[in-house]
C-alpha cells in the first residue's frame, strides 16, 4: 500500500532569541512541530563582515556629505542611498553564496 502524500504548509514562528522564522511542514503535521520543519529563512546575517560594512558605510556618508542631522534632512534620499549602496551589495553576495552552497 502506498503512503498518502500530503502537501506542505508554511508556518511562521518566533524563536527564543526573538528572530522571526518560517518553516515548511507537511499539511497533516501539527504546527507544534515547526522547529522540525524545513527552514525557509534568509541567509544567516552572521556571515556578514560588519567591520567592513561599518567602514564602507562611514566612507559613503562622508562622500555624500552627511555629517549632521541637517545634512540628512537636506539630502532627501541620501541616508537611504548610502545604506543601500553599502549594505545591499553585501546582502546580495550573502544570498549568492547560499545559492551556490545548495
PDB file of N, CA and C in Angstrom:
ATOM      1  N   UNK A   1       0.842  -1.180   0.000  1.00  0.00           N
ATOM      2  CA  UNK A   1       0.000   0.000   0.000  1.00  0.00           C
ATOM      3  C   UNK A   1       0.890   1.248   0.000  1.00  0.00           C
ATOM      4  N   UNK A   2       0.585   2.167  -0.866  1.00  0.00           N
ATOM      5  CA  UNK A   2       1.356   3.403  -0.950  1.00  0.00           C
ATOM      6  C   UNK A   2       0.950   4.359   0.158  1.00  0.00           C
ATOM      7  N   UNK A   3       1.958   5.092   0.676  1.00  0.00           N
ATOM      8  CA  UNK A   3       1.661   6.117   1.668  1.00  0.00           C
ATOM      9  C   UNK A   3       1.020   7.301   0.956  1.00  0.00           C
ATOM     10  N   UNK A   4       0.060   7.884   1.600  1.00  0.00           N
ATOM     11  CA  UNK A   4      -0.627   9.047   1.043  1.00  0.00           C
ATOM     12  C   UNK A   4       0.290  10.264   1.155  1.00  0.00           C
ATOM     13  N   UNK A   5       0.507  10.950   0.042  1.00  0.00           N
ATOM     14  CA  UNK A   5       1.341  12.155   0.042  1.00  0.00           C
ATOM     15  C   UNK A   5       0.476  13.364   0.350  1.00  0.00           C
ATOM     16  N   UNK A   6       0.986  14.205   1.183  1.00  0.00           N
ATOM     17  CA  UNK A   6       0.259  15.433   1.506  1.00  0.00           C
ATOM     18  C   UNK A   6       1.051  16.628   1.009  1.00  0.00           C
ATOM     19  N   UNK A   7       0.389  17.742   0.927  1.00  0.00           N
ATOM     20  CA  UNK A   7       1.058  18.970   0.549  1.00  0.00           C
ATOM     21  C   UNK A   7       1.827  19.546   1.739  1.00  0.00           C
ATOM     22  N   UNK A   8       2.451  20.659   1.487  1.00  0.00           N
ATOM     23  CA  UNK A   8       3.228  21.333   2.535  1.00  0.00           C
ATOM     24  C   UNK A   8       2.528  22.629   2.910  1.00  0.00           C
ATOM     25  N   UNK A   9       2.728  23.026   4.151  1.00  0.00           N
ATOM     26  CA  UNK A   9       2.210  24.303   4.626  1.00  0.00           C
ATOM     27  C   UNK A   9       3.369  25.109   5.197  1.00  0.00           C
ATOM     28  N   UNK A  10       3.236  26.421   5.130  1.00  0.00           N
ATOM     29  CA  UNK A  10       4.225  27.318   5.698  1.00  0.00           C
ATOM     30  C   UNK A  10       3.741  27.765   7.064  1.00  0.00           C
ATOM     31  N   UNK A  11       4.608  27.625   8.058  1.00  0.00           N
ATOM     32  CA  UNK A  11       4.275  28.026   9.421  1.00  0.00           C
ATOM     33  C   UNK A  11       5.288  29.069   9.869  1.00  0.00           C
ATOM     34  N   UNK A  12       4.804  30.209  10.349  1.00  0.00           N
ATOM     35  CA  UNK A  12       5.669  31.271  10.872  1.00  0.00           C
ATOM     36  C   UNK A  12       5.736  31.152  12.388  1.00  0.00           C
ATOM     37  N   UNK A  13       6.915  31.438  12.936  1.00  0.00           N
ATOM     38  CA  UNK A  13       7.103  31.342  14.373  1.00  0.00           C
ATOM     39  C   UNK A  13       8.259  32.237  14.794  1.00  0.00           C
ATOM     40  N   UNK A  14       8.409  32.478  16.070  1.00  0.00           N
ATOM     41  CA  UNK A  14       9.486  33.296  16.616  1.00  0.00           C
ATOM     42  C   UNK A  14      10.317  32.436  17.549  1.00  0.00           C
ATOM     43  N   UNK A  15      11.637  32.432  17.329  1.00  0.00           N
ATOM     44  CA  UNK A  15      12.493  31.597  18.167  1.00  0.00           C
ATOM     45  C   UNK A  15      12.754  32.262  19.520  1.00  0.00           C
ATOM     46  N   UNK A  16      13.493  31.584  20.374  1.00  0.00           N
ATOM     47  CA  UNK A  16      13.743  32.060  21.743  1.00  0.00           C
ATOM     48  C   UNK A  16      14.535  33.359  21.769  1.00  0.00           C
ATOM     49  N   UNK A  17      15.284  33.657  20.705  1.00  0.00           N
ATOM     50  CA  UNK A  17      16.070  34.899  20.648  1.00  0.00           C
ATOM     51  C   UNK A  17      15.303  36.052  20.011  1.00  0.00           C
ATOM     52  N   UNK A  18      14.049  35.797  19.613  1.00  0.00           N
ATOM     53  CA  UNK A  18      13.217  36.848  19.038  1.00  0.00           C
ATOM     54  C   UNK A  18      13.282  36.953  17.526  1.00  0.00           C
ATOM     55  N   UNK A  19      13.975  36.028  16.862  1.00  0.00           N
ATOM     56  CA  UNK A  19      14.044  36.038  15.406  1.00  0.00           C
ATOM     57  C   UNK A  19      12.782  35.400  14.832  1.00  0.00           C
ATOM     58  N   UNK A  20      12.165  36.081  13.871  1.00  0.00           N
ATOM     59  CA  UNK A  20      11.004  35.522  13.185  1.00  0.00           C
ATOM     60  C   UNK A  20      11.498  34.491  12.181  1.00  0.00           C
ATOM     61  N   UNK A  21      10.822  33.352  12.154  1.00  0.00           N
ATOM     62  CA  UNK A  21      11.223  32.237  11.296  1.00  0.00           C
ATOM     63  C   UNK A  21      10.032  31.741  10.486  1.00  0.00           C
ATOM     64  N   UNK A  22      10.339  31.000   9.420  1.00  0.00           N
ATOM     65  CA  UNK A  22       9.318  30.292   8.654  1.00  0.00           C
ATOM     66  C   UNK A  22       9.840  28.904   8.356  1.00  0.00           C
ATOM     67  N   UNK A  23       8.964  27.921   8.432  1.00  0.00           N
ATOM     68  CA  UNK A  23       9.331  26.540   8.127  1.00  0.00           C
ATOM     69  C   UNK A  23       8.219  25.895   7.320  1.00  0.00           C
ATOM     70  N   UNK A  24       8.600  24.924   6.507  1.00  0.00           N
ATOM     71  CA  UNK A  24       7.631  24.113   5.778  1.00  0.00           C
ATOM     72  C   UNK A  24       7.394  22.829   6.553  1.00  0.00           C
ATOM     73  N   UNK A  25       6.127  22.494   6.702  1.00  0.00           N
ATOM     74  CA  UNK A  25       5.715  21.261   7.365  1.00  0.00           C
ATOM     75  C   UNK A  25       4.702  20.549   6.482  1.00  0.00           C
ATOM     76  N   UNK A  26       4.665  19.219   6.533  1.00  0.00           N
ATOM     77  CA  UNK A  26       3.569  18.530   5.847  1.00  0.00           C
ATOM     78  C   UNK A  26       2.238  19.018   6.409  1.00  0.00           C
ATOM     79  N   UNK A  27       1.258  19.158   5.542  1.00  0.00           N
ATOM     80  CA  UNK A  27      -0.046  19.696   5.948  1.00  0.00           C
ATOM     81  C   UNK A  27      -0.681  18.925   7.099  1.00  0.00           C
ATOM     82  N   UNK A  28      -0.392  17.627   7.172  1.00  0.00           N
ATOM     83  CA  UNK A  28      -1.032  16.832   8.217  1.00  0.00           C
ATOM     84  C   UNK A  28      -0.271  16.823   9.550  1.00  0.00           C
ATOM     85  N   UNK A  29       0.851  17.562   9.630  1.00  0.00           N
ATOM     86  CA  UNK A  29       1.609  17.649  10.884  1.00  0.00           C
ATOM     87  C   UNK A  29       1.122  18.855  11.694  1.00  0.00           C
ATOM     88  N   UNK A  30       1.104  18.733  13.031  1.00  0.00           N
ATOM     89  CA  UNK A  30       0.684  19.869  13.859  1.00  0.00           C
ATOM     90  C   UNK A  30       1.732  20.977  13.843  1.00  0.00           C
ATOM     91  N   UNK A  31       1.277  22.209  13.973  1.00  0.00           N
ATOM     92  CA  UNK A  31       2.174  23.365  13.953  1.00  0.00           C
ATOM     93  C   UNK A  31       3.236  23.305  15.050  1.00  0.00           C
ATOM     94  N   UNK A  32       2.978  22.566  16.120  1.00  0.00           N
ATOM     95  CA  UNK A  32       3.923  22.475  17.229  1.00  0.00           C
ATOM     96  C   UNK A  32       5.250  21.841  16.799  1.00  0.00           C
ATOM     97  N   UNK A  33       5.257  21.146  15.683  1.00  0.00           N
ATOM     98  CA  UNK A  33       6.480  20.517  15.174  1.00  0.00           C
ATOM     99  C   UNK A  33       7.261  21.443  14.245  1.00  0.00           C
ATOM    100  N   UNK A  34       6.939  22.711  14.265  1.00  0.00           N
ATOM    101  CA  UNK A  34       7.515  23.683  13.329  1.00  0.00           C
ATOM    102  C   UNK A  34       9.046  23.691  13.364  1.00  0.00           C
ATOM    103  N   UNK A  35       9.645  23.485  14.519  1.00  0.00           N
ATOM    104  CA  UNK A  35      11.110  23.504  14.612  1.00  0.00           C
ATOM    105  C   UNK A  35      11.754  22.330  13.862  1.00  0.00           C
ATOM    106  N   UNK A  36      10.975  21.302  13.569  1.00  0.00           N
ATOM    107  CA  UNK A  36      11.473  20.143  12.832  1.00  0.00           C
ATOM    108  C   UNK A  36      11.233  20.274  11.335  1.00  0.00           C
ATOM    109  N   UNK A  37      10.564  21.348  10.930  1.00  0.00           N
ATOM    110  CA  UNK A  37      10.248  21.547   9.522  1.00  0.00           C
ATOM    111  C   UNK A  37      11.450  21.982   8.709  1.00  0.00           C
ATOM    112  N   UNK A  38      11.214  22.210   7.434  1.00  0.00           N
ATOM    113  CA  UNK A  38      12.256  22.668   6.518  1.00  0.00           C
ATOM    114  C   UNK A  38      12.355  24.188   6.647  1.00  0.00           C
ATOM    115  N   UNK A  39      13.504  24.705   7.116  1.00  0.00           N
ATOM    116  CA  UNK A  39      13.645  26.156   7.309  1.00  0.00           C
ATOM    117  C   UNK A  39      13.472  26.922   5.996  1.00  0.00           C
ATOM    118  N   UNK A  40      12.841  28.070   6.092  1.00  0.00           N
ATOM    119  CA  UNK A  40      12.627  28.955   4.950  1.00  0.00           C
ATOM    120  C   UNK A  40      13.162  30.344   5.283  1.00  0.00           C
ATOM    121  N   UNK A  41      14.304  30.384   5.966  1.00  0.00           N
ATOM    122  CA  UNK A  41      14.877  31.639   6.441  1.00  0.00           C
ATOM    123  C   UNK A  41      15.776  32.282   5.394  1.00  0.00           C
ATOM    124  N   UNK A  42      15.985  33.589   5.508  1.00  0.00           N
ATOM    125  CA  UNK A  42      17.009  34.233   4.681  1.00  0.00           C
ATOM    126  C   UNK A  42      18.384  33.741   5.142  1.00  0.00           C
ATOM    127  N   UNK A  43      19.435  34.082   4.409  1.00  0.00           N
ATOM    128  CA  UNK A  43      20.779  33.670   4.835  1.00  0.00           C
ATOM    129  C   UNK A  43      21.100  34.202   6.235  1.00  0.00           C
ATOM    130  N   UNK A  44      21.985  33.502   6.922  1.00  0.00           N
ATOM    131  CA  UNK A  44      22.407  33.889   8.255  1.00  0.00           C
ATOM    132  C   UNK A  44      23.246  35.165   8.181  1.00  0.00           C
ATOM    133  N   UNK A  45      22.761  36.228   8.810  1.00  0.00           N
ATOM    134  CA  UNK A  45      23.446  37.521   8.755  1.00  0.00           C
ATOM    135  C   UNK A  45      24.779  37.510   9.502  1.00  0.00           C
ATOM    136  N   UNK A  46      25.029  36.474  10.275  1.00  0.00           N
ATOM    137  CA  UNK A  46      26.334  36.350  10.929  1.00  0.00           C
ATOM    138  C   UNK A  46      27.439  36.195   9.884  1.00  0.00           C
ATOM    139  N   UNK A  47      27.059  35.844   8.650  1.00  0.00           N
ATOM    140  CA  UNK A  47      28.028  35.722   7.570  1.00  0.00           C
ATOM    141  C   UNK A  47      28.487  37.053   7.002  1.00  0.00           C
ATOM    142  N   UNK A  48      27.917  38.145   7.480  1.00  0.00           N
ATOM    143  CA  UNK A  48      28.331  39.476   7.021  1.00  0.00           C
ATOM    144  C   UNK A  48      29.515  39.962   7.848  1.00  0.00           C
ATOM    145  N   UNK A  49      30.437  40.637   7.186  1.00  0.00           N
ATOM    146  CA  UNK A  49      31.590  41.215   7.874  1.00  0.00           C
ATOM    147  C   UNK A  49      31.210  42.641   8.285  1.00  0.00           C
ATOM    148  N   UNK A  50      30.707  42.767   9.498  1.00  0.00           N
ATOM    149  CA  UNK A  50      30.167  44.051   9.962  1.00  0.00           C
ATOM    150  C   UNK A  50      31.232  45.127  10.075  1.00  0.00           C
ATOM    151  N   UNK A  51      32.485  44.757  10.328  1.00  0.00           N
ATOM    152  CA  UNK A  51      33.556  45.766  10.377  1.00  0.00           C
ATOM    153  C   UNK A  51      33.754  46.402   9.005  1.00  0.00           C
ATOM    154  N   UNK A  52      33.743  45.587   7.966  1.00  0.00           N
ATOM    155  CA  UNK A  52      33.879  46.099   6.595  1.00  0.00           C
ATOM    156  C   UNK A  52      32.679  46.965   6.250  1.00  0.00           C
ATOM    157  N   UNK A  53      31.480  46.500   6.583  1.00  0.00           N
ATOM    158  CA  UNK A  53      30.265  47.262   6.286  1.00  0.00           C
ATOM    159  C   UNK A  53      30.292  48.606   7.011  1.00  0.00           C
ATOM    160  N   UNK A  54      30.717  48.609   8.256  1.00  0.00           N
ATOM    161  CA  UNK A  54      30.789  49.859   9.022  1.00  0.00           C
ATOM    162  C   UNK A  54      31.738  50.852   8.350  1.00  0.00           C
ATOM    163  N   UNK A  55      32.913  50.381   7.919  1.00  0.00           N
ATOM    164  CA  UNK A  55      33.875  51.271   7.255  1.00  0.00           C
ATOM    165  C   UNK A  55      33.312  51.793   5.943  1.00  0.00           C
ATOM    166  N   UNK A  56      32.718  50.891   5.136  1.00  0.00           N
ATOM    167  CA  UNK A  56      32.171  51.309   3.849  1.00  0.00           C
ATOM    168  C   UNK A  56      31.018  52.296   4.028  1.00  0.00           C
ATOM    169  N   UNK A  57      30.169  52.062   5.021  1.00  0.00           N
ATOM    170  CA  UNK A  57      29.059  52.988   5.276  1.00  0.00           C
ATOM    171  C   UNK A  57      29.596  54.344   5.719  1.00  0.00           C
ATOM    172  N   UNK A  58      30.563  54.330   6.603  1.00  0.00           N
ATOM    173  CA  UNK A  58      31.176  55.593   7.048  1.00  0.00           C
ATOM    174  C   UNK A  58      31.706  56.377   5.840  1.00  0.00           C
ATOM    175  N   UNK A  59      32.456  55.685   4.981  1.00  0.00           N
ATOM    176  CA  UNK A  59      33.048  56.361   3.828  1.00  0.00           C
ATOM    177  C   UNK A  59      31.975  56.871   2.872  1.00  0.00           C
ATOM    178  N   UNK A  60      30.902  56.122   2.708  1.00  0.00           N
ATOM    179  CA  UNK A  60      29.804  56.564   1.838  1.00  0.00           C
ATOM    180  C   UNK A  60      29.123  57.808   2.413  1.00  0.00           C
ATOM    181  N   UNK A  61      28.946  57.842   3.730  1.00  0.00           N
ATOM    182  CA  UNK A  61      28.354  59.033   4.367  1.00  0.00           C
ATOM    183  C   UNK A  61      29.247  60.250   4.172  1.00  0.00           C
ATOM    184  N   UNK A  62      30.552  60.058   4.254  1.00  0.00           N
ATOM    185  CA  UNK A  62      31.493  61.164   4.018  1.00  0.00           C
ATOM    186  C   UNK A  62      31.386  61.632   2.573  1.00  0.00           C
ATOM    187  N   UNK A  63      31.411  60.689   1.623  1.00  0.00           N
ATOM    188  CA  UNK A  63      31.317  61.059   0.193  1.00  0.00           C
ATOM    189  C   UNK A  63      30.037  61.828  -0.115  1.00  0.00           C
ATOM    190  N   UNK A  64      28.964  61.489   0.582  1.00  0.00           N
ATOM    191  CA  UNK A  64      27.681  62.155   0.355  1.00  0.00           C
ATOM    192  C   UNK A  64      27.519  63.428   1.185  1.00  0.00           C
ATOM    193  N   UNK A  65      28.511  63.745   2.018  1.00  0.00           N
ATOM    194  CA  UNK A  65      28.454  64.954   2.828  1.00  0.00           C
ATOM    195  C   UNK A  65      27.408  64.899   3.934  1.00  0.00           C
ATOM    196  N   UNK A  66      27.149  63.718   4.469  1.00  0.00           N
ATOM    197  CA  UNK A  66      26.128  63.553   5.515  1.00  0.00           C
ATOM    198  C   UNK A  66      26.812  63.515   6.887  1.00  0.00           C
ATOM    199  N   UNK A  67      27.037  64.704   7.435  1.00  0.00           N
ATOM    200  CA  UNK A  67      27.752  64.828   8.704  1.00  0.00           C
ATOM    201  C   UNK A  67      26.827  65.160   9.867  1.00  0.00           C
ATOM    202  N   UNK A  68      25.729  65.861   9.595  1.00  0.00           N
ATOM    203  CA  UNK A  68      24.822  66.302  10.654  1.00  0.00           C
ATOM    204  C   UNK A  68      23.380  65.905  10.307  1.00  0.00           C
ATOM    205  N   UNK A  69      22.510  66.028  11.278  1.00  0.00           N
ATOM    206  CA  UNK A  69      21.097  65.758  11.042  1.00  0.00           C
ATOM    207  C   UNK A  69      20.545  66.704   9.980  1.00  0.00           C
ATOM    208  N   UNK A  70      20.997  67.959   9.988  1.00  0.00           N
ATOM    209  CA  UNK A  70      20.559  68.905   8.955  1.00  0.00           C
ATOM    210  C   UNK A  70      20.980  68.436   7.563  1.00  0.00           C
ATOM    211  N   UNK A  71      22.200  67.880   7.448  1.00  0.00           N
ATOM    212  CA  UNK A  71      22.660  67.340   6.160  1.00  0.00           C
ATOM    213  C   UNK A  71      21.734  66.221   5.693  1.00  0.00           C
ATOM    214  N   UNK A  72      21.358  65.346   6.619  1.00  0.00           N
ATOM    215  CA  UNK A  72      20.486  64.219   6.294  1.00  0.00           C
ATOM    216  C   UNK A  72      19.120  64.720   5.834  1.00  0.00           C
ATOM    217  N   UNK A  73      18.602  65.742   6.512  1.00  0.00           N
ATOM    218  CA  UNK A  73      17.295  66.294   6.126  1.00  0.00           C
ATOM    219  C   UNK A  73      17.348  66.950   4.756  1.00  0.00           C
ATOM    220  N   UNK A  74      18.439  67.630   4.451  1.00  0.00           N
ATOM    221  CA  UNK A  74      18.573  68.296   3.151  1.00  0.00           C
ATOM    222  C   UNK A  74      18.714  67.284   2.008  1.00  0.00           C
ATOM    223  N   UNK A  75      19.441  66.224   2.243  1.00  0.00           N
ATOM    224  CA  UNK A  75      19.664  65.210   1.207  1.00  0.00           C
ATOM    225  C   UNK A  75      18.535  64.185   1.313  1.00  0.00           C
ATOM    226  N   UNK A  76      17.452  64.434   0.634  1.00  0.00           N
ATOM    227  CA  UNK A  76      16.219  63.657   0.749  1.00  0.00           C
ATOM    228  C   UNK A  76      16.436  62.152   0.899  1.00  0.00           C
ATOM    229  N   UNK A  77      17.124  61.545  -0.040  1.00  0.00           N
ATOM    230  CA  UNK A  77      17.341  60.099  -0.011  1.00  0.00           C
ATOM    231  C   UNK A  77      18.800  59.739   0.251  1.00  0.00           C
ATOM    232  N   UNK A  78      19.556  60.691   0.745  1.00  0.00           N
ATOM    233  CA  UNK A  78      20.984  60.471   0.945  1.00  0.00           C
ATOM    234  C   UNK A  78      21.304  59.345   1.906  1.00  0.00           C
ATOM    235  N   UNK A  79      20.626  59.323   3.035  1.00  0.00           N
ATOM    236  CA  UNK A  79      20.889  58.299   4.040  1.00  0.00           C
ATOM    237  C   UNK A  79      20.455  56.925   3.545  1.00  0.00           C
ATOM    238  N   UNK A  80      19.264  56.865   2.980  1.00  0.00           N
ATOM    239  CA  UNK A  80      18.774  55.596   2.443  1.00  0.00           C
ATOM    240  C   UNK A  80      19.687  55.100   1.324  1.00  0.00           C
ATOM    241  N   UNK A  81      20.117  56.007   0.473  1.00  0.00           N
ATOM    242  CA  UNK A  81      21.019  55.644  -0.622  1.00  0.00           C
ATOM    243  C   UNK A  81      22.350  55.119  -0.114  1.00  0.00           C
ATOM    244  N   UNK A  82      22.879  55.745   0.924  1.00  0.00           N
ATOM    245  CA  UNK A  82      24.155  55.300   1.493  1.00  0.00           C
ATOM    246  C   UNK A  82      24.016  53.900   2.086  1.00  0.00           C
ATOM    247  N   UNK A  83      22.917  53.659   2.773  1.00  0.00           N
ATOM    248  CA  UNK A  83      22.679  52.339   3.375  1.00  0.00           C
ATOM    249  C   UNK A  83      22.524  51.287   2.283  1.00  0.00           C
ATOM    250  N   UNK A  84      21.746  51.595   1.264  1.00  0.00           N
ATOM    251  CA  UNK A  84      21.550  50.639   0.164  1.00  0.00           C
ATOM    252  C   UNK A  84      22.846  50.364  -0.571  1.00  0.00           C
ATOM    253  N   UNK A  85      23.629  51.414  -0.798  1.00  0.00           N
ATOM    254  CA  UNK A  85      24.878  51.259  -1.549  1.00  0.00           C
ATOM    255  C   UNK A  85      25.854  50.346  -0.822  1.00  0.00           C
ATOM    256  N   UNK A  86      25.883  50.400   0.490  1.00  0.00           N
ATOM    257  CA  UNK A  86      26.844  49.593   1.226  1.00  0.00           C
ATOM    258  C   UNK A  86      26.269  48.245   1.649  1.00  0.00           C
ATOM    259  N   UNK A  87      25.178  48.242   2.321  1.00  0.00           N
ATOM    260  CA  UNK A  87      24.619  47.002   2.850  1.00  0.00           C
ATOM    261  C   UNK A  87      24.059  46.113   1.744  1.00  0.00           C
ATOM    262  N   UNK A  88      23.463  46.726   0.736  1.00  0.00           N
ATOM    263  CA  UNK A  88      22.826  45.974  -0.334  1.00  0.00           C
ATOM    264  C   UNK A  88      23.768  45.005  -1.026  1.00  0.00           C
ATOM    265  N   UNK A  89      24.949  45.457  -1.384  1.00  0.00           N
ATOM    266  CA  UNK A  89      25.859  44.571  -2.118  1.00  0.00           C
ATOM    267  C   UNK A  89      26.332  43.410  -1.247  1.00  0.00           C
ATOM    268  N   UNK A  90      26.479  43.640   0.047  1.00  0.00           N
ATOM    269  CA  UNK A  90      26.890  42.562   0.944  1.00  0.00           C
ATOM    270  C   UNK A  90      25.764  41.545   1.133  1.00  0.00           C
ATOM    271  N   UNK A  91      24.536  42.027   1.212  1.00  0.00           N
ATOM    272  CA  UNK A  91      23.403  41.106   1.341  1.00  0.00           C
ATOM    273  C   UNK A  91      23.230  40.268   0.081  1.00  0.00           C
ATOM    274  N   UNK A  92      23.342  40.892  -1.071  1.00  0.00           N
ATOM    275  CA  UNK A  92      23.224  40.152  -2.329  1.00  0.00           C
ATOM    276  C   UNK A  92      24.309  39.078  -2.404  1.00  0.00           C
ATOM    277  N   UNK A  93      25.531  39.414  -2.009  1.00  0.00           N
ATOM    278  CA  UNK A  93      26.625  38.433  -2.016  1.00  0.00           C
ATOM    279  C   UNK A  93      26.324  37.281  -1.066  1.00  0.00           C
ATOM    280  N   UNK A  94      25.719  37.569   0.076  1.00  0.00           N
ATOM    281  CA  UNK A  94      25.359  36.533   1.038  1.00  0.00           C
ATOM    282  C   UNK A  94      24.306  35.593   0.444  1.00  0.00           C
ATOM    283  N   UNK A  95      23.319  36.140  -0.236  1.00  0.00           N
ATOM    284  CA  UNK A  95      22.303  35.316  -0.903  1.00  0.00           C
ATOM    285  C   UNK A  95      22.950  34.455  -1.997  1.00  0.00           C
ATOM    286  N   UNK A  96      23.872  35.040  -2.759  1.00  0.00           N
ATOM    287  CA  UNK A  96      24.536  34.279  -3.829  1.00  0.00           C
ATOM    288  C   UNK A  96      25.354  33.117  -3.265  1.00  0.00           C
ATOM    289  N   UNK A  97      26.079  33.365  -2.177  1.00  0.00           N
ATOM    290  CA  UNK A  97      26.867  32.293  -1.545  1.00  0.00           C
ATOM    291  C   UNK A  97      25.941  31.166  -1.096  1.00  0.00           C
ATOM    292  N   UNK A  98      24.795  31.512  -0.533  1.00  0.00           N
ATOM    293  CA  UNK A  98      23.837  30.500  -0.087  1.00  0.00           C
ATOM    294  C   UNK A  98      23.307  29.682  -1.239  1.00  0.00           C
ATOM    295  N   UNK A  99      23.106  30.309  -2.372  1.00  0.00           N
ATOM    296  CA  UNK A  99      22.587  29.604  -3.548  1.00  0.00           C
ATOM    297  C   UNK A  99      23.630  28.632  -4.092  1.00  0.00           C
ATOM    298  N   UNK A 100      24.904  29.014  -4.058  1.00  0.00           N
ATOM    299  CA  UNK A 100      25.966  28.132  -4.555  1.00  0.00           C
ATOM    300  C   UNK A 100      26.177  26.938  -3.635  1.00  0.00           C
ATOM    301  N   UNK A 101      25.907  27.106  -2.351  1.00  0.00           N
ATOM    302  CA  UNK A 101      26.133  26.029  -1.385  1.00  0.00           C
ATOM    303  C   UNK A 101      25.048  24.951  -1.443  1.00  0.00           C
ATOM    304  N   UNK A 102      23.942  25.216  -2.127  1.00  0.00           N
ATOM    305  CA  UNK A 102      22.849  24.235  -2.184  1.00  0.00           C
ATOM    306  C   UNK A 102      23.088  23.183  -3.224  1.00  0.00           C
TER     307      UNK A 102
END
